[in-house]
């Protein structure tokens, strides 16, 4: 759990997130917990997995890279690091981002490589990007080492994605508000499957998360951050 920083840099992060809140609050204010999400120093992942009881070592939060429909098994092909799609459809992008966040493969790459790859999904507009929320879904280096010793990996299958009801209502009430930052809320649901050496299939669990996605008319979509709670 992150703690509030007593250093000047901590205050700077708080001010930056406050600016983010000012830019997108007009559209997203109806989403529960959004203001706290954008203005506090430490946040918990929106959807921490509860891995199978028999798993030798499981991450405290879902992570990183694979095809949403990739097979699960000890001899499954190693997965490449996640690459964001080129699309201007926020729901399509949100579904791809969720699949990336719910997947990882300790056999194929290192923890720093995964963290860097997921940060590559973030918008280049630094006043909106929240890398901390993305970093929080990546297992710590210590946990990753334990997972790698067991050849642990996870795949994800996305079932659906949609704009949360509160977001849709806010957008209908003030359609022009989104033109400041073009940030959309997208809720995605699906399943995460975890496996490791000696286990052909660890088990699948339902996953659901709400993401903030930026889709400006003249640019492909990009990730803003992971919400601290799921908006229906």
Foldseek 3Di string as FASTA:
>chain_A
DDDQDPDPVSVVQLVLLQVLCVQQCLQCVLFPPSSVVSRGRDFAAAWFDDFFPPDPADFRAAAAFDDQPFAFFAPGDDTDTQDQDFALDQFVRVQSLVQGGRWDWLQHDALVVNLVSNVVQADPPVSQADSNQSNNRGGDNVRSVSCSVFRKIKGHHWDGKDAFPSSVVSCVVPVPSCLRFQKGKMKTKTKMWMDTPPGGTRDIDITMFIFIWHRDPVGGIGGRHTDNHGGD
